[in-house]
mmCIF file of all heavy atoms, coordinates in Angstrom:
data_MODEL
# 
_entry.id   MODEL 
# 
loop_
_atom_site.group_PDB 
_atom_site.id 
_atom_site.type_symbol 
_atom_site.label_atom_id 
_atom_site.label_alt_id 
_atom_site.label_comp_id 
_atom_site.label_asym_id 
_atom_site.label_entity_id 
_atom_site.label_seq_id 
_atom_site.pdbx_PDB_ins_code 
_atom_site.Cartn_x 
_atom_site.Cartn_y 
_atom_site.Cartn_z 
_atom_site.occupancy 
_atom_site.B_iso_or_equiv 
_atom_site.pdbx_formal_charge 
_atom_site.auth_seq_id 
_atom_site.auth_comp_id 
_atom_site.auth_asym_id 
_atom_site.auth_atom_id 
_atom_site.pdbx_PDB_model_num 
ATOM 1   N N   . LEU A 1 1  ? 110.437 90.899  105.762 1.00 0.00 ? 1  LEU A N   1 
ATOM 2   C CA  . LEU A 1 1  ? 109.379 91.194  104.809 1.00 0.00 ? 1  LEU A CA  1 
ATOM 3   C C   . LEU A 1 1  ? 109.999 91.597  103.482 1.00 0.00 ? 1  LEU A C   1 
ATOM 4   O O   . LEU A 1 1  ? 111.116 92.126  103.443 1.00 0.00 ? 1  LEU A O   1 
ATOM 5   C CB  . LEU A 1 1  ? 108.491 92.333  105.325 1.00 0.00 ? 1  LEU A CB  1 
ATOM 6   C CG  . LEU A 1 1  ? 107.766 92.066  106.645 1.00 0.00 ? 1  LEU A CG  1 
ATOM 7   C CD1 . LEU A 1 1  ? 107.131 93.353  107.157 1.00 0.00 ? 1  LEU A CD1 1 
ATOM 8   C CD2 . LEU A 1 1  ? 106.729 90.980  106.459 1.00 0.00 ? 1  LEU A CD2 1 
ATOM 9   N N   . GLU A 1 2  ? 109.286 91.359  102.422 1.00 0.00 ? 2  GLU A N   1 
ATOM 10  C CA  . GLU A 1 2  ? 109.785 91.740  101.101 1.00 0.00 ? 2  GLU A CA  1 
ATOM 11  C C   . GLU A 1 2  ? 109.883 93.251  100.975 1.00 0.00 ? 2  GLU A C   1 
ATOM 12  O O   . GLU A 1 2  ? 110.831 93.785  100.428 1.00 0.00 ? 2  GLU A O   1 
ATOM 13  C CB  . GLU A 1 2  ? 108.883 91.164  100.017 1.00 0.00 ? 2  GLU A CB  1 
ATOM 14  C CG  . GLU A 1 2  ? 109.479 91.282  98.639  1.00 0.00 ? 2  GLU A CG  1 
ATOM 15  C CD  . GLU A 1 2  ? 108.680 90.522  97.612  1.00 0.00 ? 2  GLU A CD  1 
ATOM 16  O OE1 . GLU A 1 2  ? 108.283 89.374  97.895  1.00 0.00 ? 2  GLU A OE1 1 
ATOM 17  O OE2 . GLU A 1 2  ? 108.456 91.089  96.529  1.00 0.00 ? 2  GLU A OE2 1 
ATOM 18  N N   . ARG A 1 3  ? 108.865 93.947  101.485 1.00 0.00 ? 3  ARG A N   1 
ATOM 19  C CA  . ARG A 1 3  ? 108.869 95.408  101.433 1.00 0.00 ? 3  ARG A CA  1 
ATOM 20  C C   . ARG A 1 3  ? 107.935 95.962  102.496 1.00 0.00 ? 3  ARG A C   1 
ATOM 21  O O   . ARG A 1 3  ? 107.043 95.270  102.973 1.00 0.00 ? 3  ARG A O   1 
ATOM 22  C CB  . ARG A 1 3  ? 108.492 95.921  100.056 1.00 0.00 ? 3  ARG A CB  1 
ATOM 23  C CG  . ARG A 1 3  ? 107.128 95.467  99.586  1.00 0.00 ? 3  ARG A CG  1 
ATOM 24  C CD  . ARG A 1 3  ? 106.834 95.882  98.189  1.00 0.00 ? 3  ARG A CD  1 
ATOM 25  N NE  . ARG A 1 3  ? 106.597 97.326  98.176  1.00 0.00 ? 3  ARG A NE  1 
ATOM 26  C CZ  . ARG A 1 3  ? 106.331 98.014  97.085  1.00 0.00 ? 3  ARG A CZ  1 
ATOM 27  N NH1 . ARG A 1 3  ? 106.280 97.417  95.935  1.00 0.00 ? 3  ARG A NH1 1 
ATOM 28  N NH2 . ARG A 1 3  ? 106.114 99.300  97.138  1.00 0.00 ? 3  ARG A NH2 1 
ATOM 29  N N   . VAL A 1 4  ? 108.165 97.207  102.838 1.00 0.00 ? 4  VAL A N   1 
ATOM 30  C CA  . VAL A 1 4  ? 107.278 97.909  103.766 1.00 0.00 ? 4  VAL A CA  1 
ATOM 31  C C   . VAL A 1 4  ? 106.922 99.254  103.150 1.00 0.00 ? 4  VAL A C   1 
ATOM 32  O O   . VAL A 1 4  ? 107.671 99.793  102.337 1.00 0.00 ? 4  VAL A O   1 
ATOM 33  C CB  . VAL A 1 4  ? 107.921 98.098  105.164 1.00 0.00 ? 4  VAL A CB  1 
ATOM 34  C CG1 . VAL A 1 4  ? 108.154 96.768  105.839 1.00 0.00 ? 4  VAL A CG1 1 
ATOM 35  C CG2 . VAL A 1 4  ? 109.205 98.882  105.083 1.00 0.00 ? 4  VAL A CG2 1 
ATOM 36  N N   . GLY A 1 5  ? 105.784 99.782  103.552 1.00 0.00 ? 5  GLY A N   1 
ATOM 37  C CA  . GLY A 1 5  ? 105.319 101.062 103.031 1.00 0.00 ? 5  GLY A CA  1 
ATOM 38  C C   . GLY A 1 5  ? 105.441 102.171 104.057 1.00 0.00 ? 5  GLY A C   1 
ATOM 39  O O   . GLY A 1 5  ? 105.585 101.919 105.250 1.00 0.00 ? 5  GLY A O   1 
ATOM 40  N N   . ARG A 1 6  ? 105.327 103.364 103.582 1.00 0.00 ? 6  ARG A N   1 
ATOM 41  C CA  . ARG A 1 6  ? 105.517 104.545 104.433 1.00 0.00 ? 6  ARG A CA  1 
ATOM 42  C C   . ARG A 1 6  ? 104.508 104.630 105.581 1.00 0.00 ? 6  ARG A C   1 
ATOM 43  O O   . ARG A 1 6  ? 104.795 105.224 106.602 1.00 0.00 ? 6  ARG A O   1 
ATOM 44  C CB  . ARG A 1 6  ? 105.496 105.813 103.588 1.00 0.00 ? 6  ARG A CB  1 
ATOM 45  C CG  . ARG A 1 6  ? 104.204 106.045 102.824 1.00 0.00 ? 6  ARG A CG  1 
ATOM 46  C CD  . ARG A 1 6  ? 104.225 107.323 101.969 1.00 0.00 ? 6  ARG A CD  1 
ATOM 47  N NE  . ARG A 1 6  ? 103.963 108.489 102.783 1.00 0.00 ? 6  ARG A NE  1 
ATOM 48  C CZ  . ARG A 1 6  ? 104.867 109.423 103.093 1.00 0.00 ? 6  ARG A CZ  1 
ATOM 49  N NH1 . ARG A 1 6  ? 106.085 109.350 102.631 1.00 0.00 ? 6  ARG A NH1 1 
ATOM 50  N NH2 . ARG A 1 6  ? 104.551 110.452 103.847 1.00 0.00 ? 6  ARG A NH2 1 
ATOM 51  N N   . HIS A 1 7  ? 103.350 104.034 105.423 1.00 0.00 ? 7  HIS A N   1 
ATOM 52  C CA  . HIS A 1 7  ? 102.335 104.108 106.468 1.00 0.00 ? 7  HIS A CA  1 
ATOM 53  C C   . HIS A 1 7  ? 102.343 102.878 107.380 1.00 0.00 ? 7  HIS A C   1 
ATOM 54  O O   . HIS A 1 7  ? 101.524 102.792 108.292 1.00 0.00 ? 7  HIS A O   1 
ATOM 55  C CB  . HIS A 1 7  ? 100.945 104.291 105.850 1.00 0.00 ? 7  HIS A CB  1 
ATOM 56  C CG  . HIS A 1 7  ? 100.842 105.548 105.051 1.00 0.00 ? 7  HIS A CG  1 
ATOM 57  N ND1 . HIS A 1 7  ? 100.903 106.799 105.612 1.00 0.00 ? 7  HIS A ND1 1 
ATOM 58  C CD2 . HIS A 1 7  ? 100.725 105.747 103.713 1.00 0.00 ? 7  HIS A CD2 1 
ATOM 59  C CE1 . HIS A 1 7  ? 100.809 107.718 104.669 1.00 0.00 ? 7  HIS A CE1 1 
ATOM 60  N NE2 . HIS A 1 7  ? 100.706 107.096 103.501 1.00 0.00 ? 7  HIS A NE2 1 
ATOM 61  N N   . ASP A 1 8  ? 103.257 101.953 107.129 1.00 0.00 ? 8  ASP A N   1 
ATOM 62  C CA  . ASP A 1 8  ? 103.315 100.741 107.945 1.00 0.00 ? 8  ASP A CA  1 
ATOM 63  C C   . ASP A 1 8  ? 103.767 101.057 109.365 1.00 0.00 ? 8  ASP A C   1 
ATOM 64  O O   . ASP A 1 8  ? 104.501 102.012 109.615 1.00 0.00 ? 8  ASP A O   1 
ATOM 65  C CB  . ASP A 1 8  ? 104.248 99.706  107.311 1.00 0.00 ? 8  ASP A CB  1 
ATOM 66  C CG  . ASP A 1 8  ? 103.609 99.006  106.124 1.00 0.00 ? 8  ASP A CG  1 
ATOM 67  O OD1 . ASP A 1 8  ? 102.360 98.962  106.060 1.00 0.00 ? 8  ASP A OD1 1 
ATOM 68  O OD2 . ASP A 1 8  ? 104.354 98.506  105.270 1.00 0.00 ? 8  ASP A OD2 1 
ATOM 69  N N   . HIS A 1 9  ? 103.294 100.230 110.279 1.00 0.00 ? 9  HIS A N   1 
ATOM 70  C CA  . HIS A 1 9  ? 103.517 100.374 111.715 1.00 0.00 ? 9  HIS A CA  1 
ATOM 71  C C   . HIS A 1 9  ? 104.469 99.263  112.149 1.00 0.00 ? 9  HIS A C   1 
ATOM 72  O O   . HIS A 1 9  ? 104.186 98.088  111.952 1.00 0.00 ? 9  HIS A O   1 
ATOM 73  C CB  . HIS A 1 9  ? 102.149 100.232 112.404 1.00 0.00 ? 9  HIS A CB  1 
ATOM 74  C CG  . HIS A 1 9  ? 102.130 100.548 113.849 1.00 0.00 ? 9  HIS A CG  1 
ATOM 75  N ND1 . HIS A 1 9  ? 102.683 99.718  114.800 1.00 0.00 ? 9  HIS A ND1 1 
ATOM 76  C CD2 . HIS A 1 9  ? 101.584 101.592 114.513 1.00 0.00 ? 9  HIS A CD2 1 
ATOM 77  C CE1 . HIS A 1 9  ? 102.475 100.236 115.987 1.00 0.00 ? 9  HIS A CE1 1 
ATOM 78  N NE2 . HIS A 1 9  ? 101.807 101.382 115.849 1.00 0.00 ? 9  HIS A NE2 1 
ATOM 79  N N   . PHE A 1 10 ? 105.598 99.643  112.705 1.00 0.00 ? 10 PHE A N   1 
ATOM 80  C CA  . PHE A 1 10 ? 106.645 98.685  113.063 1.00 0.00 ? 10 PHE A CA  1 
ATOM 81  C C   . PHE A 1 10 ? 106.106 97.521  113.889 1.00 0.00 ? 10 PHE A C   1 
ATOM 82  O O   . PHE A 1 10 ? 106.392 96.357  113.607 1.00 0.00 ? 10 PHE A O   1 
ATOM 83  C CB  . PHE A 1 10 ? 107.759 99.412  113.825 1.00 0.00 ? 10 PHE A CB  1 
ATOM 84  C CG  . PHE A 1 10 ? 108.959 98.560  114.131 1.00 0.00 ? 10 PHE A CG  1 
ATOM 85  C CD1 . PHE A 1 10 ? 109.896 98.289  113.145 1.00 0.00 ? 10 PHE A CD1 1 
ATOM 86  C CD2 . PHE A 1 10 ? 109.155 98.041  115.394 1.00 0.00 ? 10 PHE A CD2 1 
ATOM 87  C CE1 . PHE A 1 10 ? 111.016 97.508  113.427 1.00 0.00 ? 10 PHE A CE1 1 
ATOM 88  C CE2 . PHE A 1 10 ? 110.260 97.252  115.685 1.00 0.00 ? 10 PHE A CE2 1 
ATOM 89  C CZ  . PHE A 1 10 ? 111.196 96.992  114.695 1.00 0.00 ? 10 PHE A CZ  1 
ATOM 90  N N   . PHE A 1 11 ? 105.322 97.815  114.892 1.00 0.00 ? 11 PHE A N   1 
ATOM 91  C CA  . PHE A 1 11 ? 104.856 96.777  115.815 1.00 0.00 ? 11 PHE A CA  1 
ATOM 92  C C   . PHE A 1 11 ? 103.706 95.958  115.230 1.00 0.00 ? 11 PHE A C   1 
ATOM 93  O O   . PHE A 1 11 ? 103.590 94.769  115.517 1.00 0.00 ? 11 PHE A O   1 
ATOM 94  C CB  . PHE A 1 11 ? 104.500 97.389  117.165 1.00 0.00 ? 11 PHE A CB  1 
ATOM 95  C CG  . PHE A 1 11 ? 105.698 98.082  117.774 1.00 0.00 ? 11 PHE A CG  1 
ATOM 96  C CD1 . PHE A 1 11 ? 105.795 99.456  117.757 1.00 0.00 ? 11 PHE A CD1 1 
ATOM 97  C CD2 . PHE A 1 11 ? 106.750 97.353  118.308 1.00 0.00 ? 11 PHE A CD2 1 
ATOM 98  C CE1 . PHE A 1 11 ? 106.916 100.104 118.282 1.00 0.00 ? 11 PHE A CE1 1 
ATOM 99  C CE2 . PHE A 1 11 ? 107.868 97.981  118.832 1.00 0.00 ? 11 PHE A CE2 1 
ATOM 100 C CZ  . PHE A 1 11 ? 107.953 99.361  118.818 1.00 0.00 ? 11 PHE A CZ  1 
ATOM 101 N N   . GLU A 1 12 ? 102.911 96.563  114.390 1.00 0.00 ? 12 GLU A N   1 
ATOM 102 C CA  . GLU A 1 12 ? 101.841 95.812  113.728 1.00 0.00 ? 12 GLU A CA  1 
ATOM 103 C C   . GLU A 1 12 ? 102.395 94.829  112.699 1.00 0.00 ? 12 GLU A C   1 
ATOM 104 O O   . GLU A 1 12 ? 101.742 93.850  112.360 1.00 0.00 ? 12 GLU A O   1 
ATOM 105 C CB  . GLU A 1 12 ? 100.841 96.767  113.067 1.00 0.00 ? 12 GLU A CB  1 
ATOM 106 C CG  . GLU A 1 12 ? 100.006 97.540  114.062 1.00 0.00 ? 12 GLU A CG  1 
ATOM 107 C CD  . GLU A 1 12 ? 99.109  98.579  113.421 1.00 0.00 ? 12 GLU A CD  1 
ATOM 108 O OE1 . GLU A 1 12 ? 99.136  98.739  112.172 1.00 0.00 ? 12 GLU A OE1 1 
ATOM 109 O OE2 . GLU A 1 12 ? 98.395  99.268  114.165 1.00 0.00 ? 12 GLU A OE2 1 
ATOM 110 N N   . LEU A 1 13 ? 103.594 95.101  112.213 1.00 0.00 ? 13 LEU A N   1 
ATOM 111 C CA  . LEU A 1 13 ? 104.233 94.204  111.254 1.00 0.00 ? 13 LEU A CA  1 
ATOM 112 C C   . LEU A 1 13 ? 105.009 93.072  111.942 1.00 0.00 ? 13 LEU A C   1 
ATOM 113 O O   . LEU A 1 13 ? 105.624 92.259  111.275 1.00 0.00 ? 13 LEU A O   1 
ATOM 114 C CB  . LEU A 1 13 ? 105.196 94.984  110.353 1.00 0.00 ? 13 LEU A CB  1 
ATOM 115 C CG  . LEU A 1 13 ? 104.571 95.981  109.396 1.00 0.00 ? 13 LEU A CG  1 
ATOM 116 C CD1 . LEU A 1 13 ? 105.657 96.756  108.654 1.00 0.00 ? 13 LEU A CD1 1 
ATOM 117 C CD2 . LEU A 1 13 ? 103.643 95.275  108.414 1.00 0.00 ? 13 LEU A CD2 1 
ATOM 118 N N   . GLY A 1 14 ? 104.971 93.046  113.257 1.00 0.00 ? 14 GLY A N   1 
ATOM 119 C CA  . GLY A 1 14 ? 105.660 91.992  113.986 1.00 0.00 ? 14 GLY A CA  1 
ATOM 120 C C   . GLY A 1 14 ? 106.870 92.455  114.765 1.00 0.00 ? 14 GLY A C   1 
ATOM 121 O O   . GLY A 1 14 ? 107.561 91.648  115.399 1.00 0.00 ? 14 GLY A O   1 
ATOM 122 N N   . GLY A 1 15 ? 107.144 93.748  114.735 1.00 0.00 ? 15 GLY A N   1 
ATOM 123 C CA  . GLY A 1 15 ? 108.271 94.277  115.487 1.00 0.00 ? 15 GLY A CA  1 
ATOM 124 C C   . GLY A 1 15 ? 108.025 94.207  116.986 1.00 0.00 ? 15 GLY A C   1 
ATOM 125 O O   . GLY A 1 15 ? 106.887 94.158  117.438 1.00 0.00 ? 15 GLY A O   1 
ATOM 126 N N   . HIS A 1 16 ? 109.097 94.176  117.726 1.00 0.00 ? 16 HIS A N   1 
ATOM 127 C CA  . HIS A 1 16 ? 109.034 94.169  119.191 1.00 0.00 ? 16 HIS A CA  1 
ATOM 128 C C   . HIS A 1 16 ? 110.279 94.878  119.708 1.00 0.00 ? 16 HIS A C   1 
ATOM 129 O O   . HIS A 1 16 ? 111.119 95.334  118.909 1.00 0.00 ? 16 HIS A O   1 
ATOM 130 C CB  . HIS A 1 16 ? 108.910 92.741  119.737 1.00 0.00 ? 16 HIS A CB  1 
ATOM 131 C CG  . HIS A 1 16 ? 109.876 91.771  119.158 1.00 0.00 ? 16 HIS A CG  1 
ATOM 132 N ND1 . HIS A 1 16 ? 111.212 91.749  119.494 1.00 0.00 ? 16 HIS A ND1 1 
ATOM 133 C CD2 . HIS A 1 16 ? 109.704 90.808  118.223 1.00 0.00 ? 16 HIS A CD2 1 
ATOM 134 C CE1 . HIS A 1 16 ? 111.828 90.795  118.821 1.00 0.00 ? 16 HIS A CE1 1 
ATOM 135 N NE2 . HIS A 1 16 ? 110.927 90.208  118.032 1.00 0.00 ? 16 HIS A NE2 1 
ATOM 136 N N   . SER A 1 17 ? 110.408 94.992  121.016 1.00 0.00 ? 17 SER A N   1 
ATOM 137 C CA  . SER A 1 17 ? 111.482 95.800  121.588 1.00 0.00 ? 17 SER A CA  1 
ATOM 138 C C   . SER A 1 17 ? 112.873 95.305  121.199 1.00 0.00 ? 17 SER A C   1 
ATOM 139 O O   . SER A 1 17 ? 113.768 96.125  120.943 1.00 0.00 ? 17 SER A O   1 
ATOM 140 C CB  . SER A 1 17 ? 111.352 95.884  123.108 1.00 0.00 ? 17 SER A CB  1 
ATOM 141 O OG  . SER A 1 17 ? 111.388 94.598  123.680 1.00 0.00 ? 17 SER A OG  1 
ATOM 142 N N   . LEU A 1 18 ? 113.091 94.002  121.109 1.00 0.00 ? 18 LEU A N   1 
ATOM 143 C CA  . LEU A 1 18 ? 114.407 93.493  120.722 1.00 0.00 ? 18 LEU A CA  1 
ATOM 144 C C   . LEU A 1 18 ? 114.725 93.885  119.277 1.00 0.00 ? 18 LEU A C   1 
ATOM 145 O O   . LEU A 1 18 ? 115.841 94.333  118.975 1.00 0.00 ? 18 LEU A O   1 
ATOM 146 C CB  . LEU A 1 18 ? 114.474 91.975  120.890 1.00 0.00 ? 18 LEU A CB  1 
ATOM 147 C CG  . LEU A 1 18 ? 115.797 91.320  120.498 1.00 0.00 ? 18 LEU A CG  1 
ATOM 148 C CD1 . LEU A 1 18 ? 116.947 91.907  121.301 1.00 0.00 ? 18 LEU A CD1 1 
ATOM 149 C CD2 . LEU A 1 18 ? 115.724 89.816  120.704 1.00 0.00 ? 18 LEU A CD2 1 
ATOM 150 N N   . LEU A 1 19 ? 113.765 93.751  118.382 1.00 0.00 ? 19 LEU A N   1 
ATOM 151 C CA  . LEU A 1 19 ? 113.983 94.159  116.995 1.00 0.00 ? 19 LEU A CA  1 
ATOM 152 C C   . LEU A 1 19 ? 114.178 95.672  116.892 1.00 0.00 ? 19 LEU A C   1 
ATOM 153 O O   . LEU A 1 19 ? 114.977 96.153  116.083 1.00 0.00 ? 19 LEU A O   1 
ATOM 154 C CB  . LEU A 1 19 ? 112.818 93.715  116.105 1.00 0.00 ? 19 LEU A CB  1 
ATOM 155 C CG  . LEU A 1 19 ? 112.761 92.227  115.772 1.00 0.00 ? 19 LEU A CG  1 
ATOM 156 C CD1 . LEU A 1 19 ? 111.509 91.910  114.963 1.00 0.00 ? 19 LEU A CD1 1 
ATOM 157 C CD2 . LEU A 1 19 ? 114.002 91.782  115.021 1.00 0.00 ? 19 LEU A CD2 1 
ATOM 158 N N   . ALA A 1 20 ? 113.460 96.421  117.702 1.00 0.00 ? 20 ALA A N   1 
ATOM 159 C CA  . ALA A 1 20 ? 113.628 97.877  117.701 1.00 0.00 ? 20 ALA A CA  1 
ATOM 160 C C   . ALA A 1 20 ? 115.040 98.243  118.143 1.00 0.00 ? 20 ALA A C   1 
ATOM 161 O O   . ALA A 1 20 ? 115.662 99.141  117.570 1.00 0.00 ? 20 ALA A O   1 
ATOM 162 C CB  . ALA A 1 20 ? 112.586 98.535  118.600 1.00 0.00 ? 20 ALA A CB  1 
ATOM 163 N N   . THR A 1 21 ? 115.568 97.530  119.128 1.00 0.00 ? 21 THR A N   1 
ATOM 164 C CA  . THR A 1 21 ? 116.934 97.765  119.587 1.00 0.00 ? 21 THR A CA  1 
ATOM 165 C C   . THR A 1 21 ? 117.932 97.431  118.480 1.00 0.00 ? 21 THR A C   1 
ATOM 166 O O   . THR A 1 21 ? 118.900 98.167  118.261 1.00 0.00 ? 21 THR A O   1 
ATOM 167 C CB  . THR A 1 21 ? 117.222 96.926  120.850 1.00 0.00 ? 21 THR A CB  1 
ATOM 168 O OG1 . THR A 1 21 ? 116.270 97.291  121.858 1.00 0.00 ? 21 THR A OG1 1 
ATOM 169 C CG2 . THR A 1 21 ? 118.615 97.163  121.372 1.00 0.00 ? 21 THR A CG2 1 
ATOM 170 N N   . GLN A 1 22 ? 117.693 96.355  117.756 1.00 0.00 ? 22 GLN A N   1 
ATOM 171 C CA  . GLN A 1 22 ? 118.554 95.999  116.625 1.00 0.00 ? 22 GLN A CA  1 
ATOM 172 C C   . GLN A 1 22 ? 118.474 97.058  115.525 1.00 0.00 ? 22 GLN A C   1 
ATOM 173 O O   . GLN A 1 22 ? 119.488 97.408  114.908 1.00 0.00 ? 22 GLN A O   1 
ATOM 174 C CB  . GLN A 1 22 ? 118.172 94.628  116.073 1.00 0.00 ? 22 GLN A CB  1 
ATOM 175 C CG  . GLN A 1 22 ? 118.482 93.499  117.018 1.00 0.00 ? 22 GLN A CG  1 
ATOM 176 C CD  . GLN A 1 22 ? 117.977 92.152  116.508 1.00 0.00 ? 22 GLN A CD  1 
ATOM 177 O OE1 . GLN A 1 22 ? 117.524 92.022  115.376 1.00 0.00 ? 22 GLN A OE1 1 
ATOM 178 N NE2 . GLN A 1 22 ? 118.059 91.137  117.368 1.00 0.00 ? 22 GLN A NE2 1 
ATOM 179 N N   . LEU A 1 23 ? 117.278 97.578  115.295 1.00 0.00 ? 23 LEU A N   1 
ATOM 180 C CA  . LEU A 1 23 ? 117.091 98.644  114.319 1.00 0.00 ? 23 LEU A CA  1 
ATOM 181 C C   . LEU A 1 23 ? 117.941 99.856  114.681 1.00 0.00 ? 23 LEU A C   1 
ATOM 182 O O   . LEU A 1 23 ? 118.653 100.406 113.848 1.00 0.00 ? 23 LEU A O   1 
ATOM 183 C CB  . LEU A 1 23 ? 115.609 99.039  114.241 1.00 0.00 ? 23 LEU A CB  1 
ATOM 184 C CG  . LEU A 1 23 ? 115.272 100.265 113.394 1.00 0.00 ? 23 LEU A CG  1 
ATOM 185 C CD1 . LEU A 1 23 ? 115.522 99.986  111.912 1.00 0.00 ? 23 LEU A CD1 1 
ATOM 186 C CD2 . LEU A 1 23 ? 113.830 100.682 113.629 1.00 0.00 ? 23 LEU A CD2 1 
ATOM 187 N N   . LEU A 1 24 ? 117.886 100.253 115.942 1.00 0.00 ? 24 LEU A N   1 
ATOM 188 C CA  . LEU A 1 24 ? 118.646 101.418 116.389 1.00 0.00 ? 24 LEU A CA  1 
ATOM 189 C C   . LEU A 1 24 ? 120.142 101.199 116.226 1.00 0.00 ? 24 LEU A C   1 
ATOM 190 O O   . LEU A 1 24 ? 120.866 102.111 115.813 1.00 0.00 ? 24 LEU A O   1 
ATOM 191 C CB  . LEU A 1 24 ? 118.309 101.736 117.843 1.00 0.00 ? 24 LEU A CB  1 
ATOM 192 C CG  . LEU A 1 24 ? 116.864 102.137 118.105 1.00 0.00 ? 24 LEU A CG  1 
ATOM 193 C CD1 . LEU A 1 24 ? 116.628 102.313 119.593 1.00 0.00 ? 24 LEU A CD1 1 
ATOM 194 C CD2 . LEU A 1 24 ? 116.502 103.391 117.345 1.00 0.00 ? 24 LEU A CD2 1 
ATOM 195 N N   . ALA A 1 25 ? 120.611 100.000 116.540 1.00 0.00 ? 25 ALA A N   1 
ATOM 196 C CA  . ALA A 1 25 ? 122.040 99.698  116.405 1.00 0.00 ? 25 ALA A CA  1 
ATOM 197 C C   . ALA A 1 25 ? 122.471 99.800  114.938 1.00 0.00 ? 25 ALA A C   1 
ATOM 198 O O   . ALA A 1 25 ? 123.531 100.355 114.635 1.00 0.00 ? 25 ALA A O   1 
ATOM 199 C CB  . ALA A 1 25 ? 122.332 98.304  116.951 1.00 0.00 ? 25 ALA A CB  1 
ATOM 200 N N   . ARG A 1 26 ? 121.656 99.292  114.043 1.00 0.00 ? 26 ARG A N   1 
ATOM 201 C CA  . ARG A 1 26 ? 121.989 99.367  112.613 1.00 0.00 ? 26 ARG A CA  1 
ATOM 202 C C   . ARG A 1 26 ? 121.947 100.801 112.119 1.00 0.00 ? 26 ARG A C   1 
ATOM 203 O O   . ARG A 1 26 ? 122.783 101.213 111.308 1.00 0.00 ? 26 ARG A O   1 
ATOM 204 C CB  . ARG A 1 26 ? 121.056 98.492  111.798 1.00 0.00 ? 26 ARG A CB  1 
ATOM 205 C CG  . ARG A 1 26 ? 121.305 97.018  112.056 1.00 0.00 ? 26 ARG A CG  1 
ATOM 206 C CD  . ARG A 1 26 ? 120.386 96.139  111.266 1.00 0.00 ? 26 ARG A CD  1 
ATOM 207 N NE  . ARG A 1 26 ? 120.497 94.760  111.739 1.00 0.00 ? 26 ARG A NE  1 
ATOM 208 C CZ  . ARG A 1 26 ? 120.033 93.723  111.081 1.00 0.00 ? 26 ARG A CZ  1 
ATOM 209 N NH1 . ARG A 1 26 ? 119.429 93.879  109.928 1.00 0.00 ? 26 ARG A NH1 1 
ATOM 210 N NH2 . ARG A 1 26 ? 120.176 92.513  111.580 1.00 0.00 ? 26 ARG A NH2 1 
ATOM 211 N N   . MET A 1 27 ? 120.977 101.571 112.590 1.00 0.00 ? 27 MET A N   1 
ATOM 212 C CA  . MET A 1 27 ? 120.886 102.976 112.188 1.00 0.00 ? 27 MET A CA  1 
ATOM 213 C C   . MET A 1 27 ? 122.121 103.747 112.657 1.00 0.00 ? 27 MET A C   1 
ATOM 214 O O   . MET A 1 27 ? 122.675 104.546 111.911 1.00 0.00 ? 27 MET A O   1 
ATOM 215 C CB  . MET A 1 27 ? 119.617 103.610 112.755 1.00 0.00 ? 27 MET A CB  1 
ATOM 216 C CG  . MET A 1 27 ? 118.349 103.087 112.095 1.00 0.00 ? 27 MET A CG  1 
ATOM 217 S SD  . MET A 1 27 ? 116.841 103.647 112.917 1.00 0.00 ? 27 MET A SD  1 
ATOM 218 C CE  . MET A 1 27 ? 116.909 105.400 112.600 1.00 0.00 ? 27 MET A CE  1 
# 
């Protein structure tokens, strides 16, 4: 996505468990 806002919901934006795992690894 070009940008996300503070009230955005990870899963409503298309996130799923694999992307969440990738997010955690990057963090």
